[in-house]
Amino acid sequence: ATFTAAEFHDPGATEVALEVLQIVRETLTNIQKHSGATRVALTASRKDSRQLEVTVEDNGSGFPFSGRFSLEELDAMRLGPISIKRRVRLLGGEMTIESKPGEGSKIELHLPV
């Protein structure tokens, strides 16, 4: 596992920080439980003063779908991790999942802070 943080500072509001922590924790737990990954990379950075970008990428089994989908597309197809999607929506953020079955997945989050 690797973690990279560039120009990253704790979100100001405690509630936001706790939601971000839960999203990251659940993402890593799902990777451990379901993916069989031998590598995971977590990156957190500020896009600007009001947006946090978090990316989690692994080399595991991927999701049972192939392609790159936004939060809205995942909802329409009823795909993706439900509680992570709910938390991202609660924060007013955006999420993209890219999955390559048998090769891994990538979750990108853009969260207002």
Protein backbone atom coordinates (compact mmCIF):
# COMPACT_ATOMS: atom_id res chain seq x y z
CA ALA A 1 0.00 0.00 0.00
CA THR A 2 1.16 3.51 -0.76
CA PHE A 3 -0.18 6.86 0.36
CA THR A 4 0.65 10.15 -1.29
CA ALA A 5 -0.61 13.51 -0.06
CA ALA A 6 0.27 16.68 -1.92
CA GLU A 7 -0.69 20.04 -0.44
CA PHE A 8 -3.28 18.23 1.65
CA HIS A 9 -4.69 19.69 4.83
CA ASP A 10 -7.44 18.40 7.04
CA PRO A 11 -10.87 19.61 5.90
CA GLY A 12 -12.02 22.40 8.18
CA ALA A 13 -15.36 20.95 9.30
CA THR A 14 -15.17 17.92 11.58
CA GLU A 15 -18.25 16.38 9.94
CA VAL A 16 -16.64 16.57 6.51
CA ALA A 17 -13.36 15.10 7.79
CA LEU A 18 -15.23 12.19 9.40
CA GLU A 19 -17.18 11.46 6.20
CA VAL A 20 -13.98 11.52 4.13
CA LEU A 21 -12.34 9.18 6.64
CA GLN A 22 -15.29 6.77 6.43
CA ILE A 23 -15.22 6.81 2.62
CA VAL A 24 -11.50 6.00 2.56
CA ARG A 25 -11.84 3.38 5.29
CA GLU A 26 -14.69 1.62 3.51
CA THR A 27 -12.89 1.74 0.17
CA LEU A 28 -9.78 0.11 1.67
CA THR A 29 -11.88 -2.44 3.57
CA ASN A 30 -13.71 -3.40 0.37
CA ILE A 31 -10.40 -3.84 -1.43
CA GLN A 32 -9.12 -6.08 1.36
CA LYS A 33 -12.30 -8.17 1.56
CA HIS A 34 -13.26 -8.54 -2.09
CA SER A 35 -10.48 -7.75 -4.55
CA GLY A 36 -7.52 -10.01 -3.81
CA ALA A 37 -5.29 -7.02 -4.60
CA THR A 38 -1.57 -7.14 -3.92
CA ARG A 39 -1.17 -3.41 -4.49
CA VAL A 40 -3.23 -0.38 -3.52
CA ALA A 41 -2.36 3.28 -3.96
CA LEU A 42 -4.18 6.11 -2.18
CA THR A 43 -3.62 9.71 -3.21
CA ALA A 44 -5.12 12.79 -1.59
CA SER A 45 -4.62 16.35 -2.76
CA ARG A 46 -6.29 19.71 -3.04
CA LYS A 47 -7.44 20.72 -6.49
CA ASP A 48 -8.02 24.24 -5.25
CA SER A 49 -8.89 25.81 -1.92
CA ARG A 50 -12.37 24.30 -1.99
CA GLN A 51 -11.97 20.80 -3.41
CA LEU A 52 -10.31 17.63 -2.15
CA GLU A 53 -9.34 14.93 -4.64
CA VAL A 54 -8.95 11.36 -3.43
CA THR A 55 -7.94 8.49 -5.71
CA VAL A 56 -7.73 4.83 -4.70
CA GLU A 57 -6.37 2.36 -7.24
CA ASP A 58 -5.71 -1.36 -6.88
CA ASN A 59 -4.62 -4.34 -8.95
CA GLY A 60 -7.32 -6.70 -7.69
CA SER A 61 -10.23 -8.41 -9.37
CA GLY A 62 -12.10 -5.19 -10.18
CA PHE A 63 -15.83 -4.71 -10.01
CA PRO A 64 -18.16 -7.08 -11.89
CA PHE A 65 -18.49 -4.47 -14.65
CA SER A 66 -16.05 -2.97 -17.11
CA GLY A 67 -15.58 0.68 -17.96
CA ARG A 68 -15.51 4.12 -16.39
CA PHE A 69 -18.71 5.47 -14.83
CA SER A 70 -19.80 8.56 -12.92
CA LEU A 71 -21.88 8.51 -9.76
CA GLU A 72 -25.02 9.24 -11.77
CA GLU A 73 -24.30 6.44 -14.25
CA LEU A 74 -23.56 3.99 -11.41
CA ASP A 75 -26.86 4.91 -9.76
CA ALA A 76 -28.80 4.49 -13.01
CA MET A 77 -27.28 1.03 -13.52
CA ARG A 78 -27.51 0.16 -9.81
CA LEU A 79 -23.80 -0.57 -9.63
CA GLY A 80 -21.02 0.33 -7.22
CA PRO A 81 -20.64 0.51 -3.43
CA ILE A 82 -23.91 1.86 -2.02
CA SER A 83 -22.69 3.44 1.21
CA ILE A 84 -19.71 5.14 -0.45
CA LYS A 85 -22.01 6.58 -3.10
CA ARG A 86 -24.37 7.78 -0.37
CA ARG A 87 -21.57 9.52 1.54
CA VAL A 88 -20.23 11.20 -1.61
CA ARG A 89 -23.72 12.51 -2.41
CA LEU A 90 -24.14 13.70 1.20
CA LEU A 91 -20.97 15.79 0.81
CA GLY A 92 -22.11 17.14 -2.58
CA GLY A 93 -19.16 15.47 -4.28
CA GLU A 94 -18.48 13.58 -7.45
CA MET A 95 -17.25 10.03 -7.87
CA THR A 96 -15.97 8.01 -10.79
CA ILE A 97 -15.24 4.29 -10.79
CA GLU A 98 -13.12 2.66 -13.44
CA SER A 99 -13.12 -1.12 -13.42
CA LYS A 100 -11.20 -3.67 -15.43
CA PRO A 101 -12.34 -7.10 -14.26
CA GLY A 102 -9.33 -9.24 -13.45
CA GLU A 103 -7.00 -6.22 -13.56
CA GLY A 104 -8.22 -3.86 -10.84
CA SER A 105 -10.20 -0.74 -10.22
CA LYS A 106 -9.82 2.97 -9.62
CA ILE A 107 -12.11 5.22 -7.59
CA GLU A 108 -11.77 8.96 -8.00
CA LEU A 109 -13.48 11.34 -5.60
CA HIS A 110 -13.88 15.10 -5.89
CA LEU A 111 -15.23 16.47 -2.63
CA PRO A 112 -15.99 20.08 -1.67
CA VAL A 113 -14.35 21.05 1.62
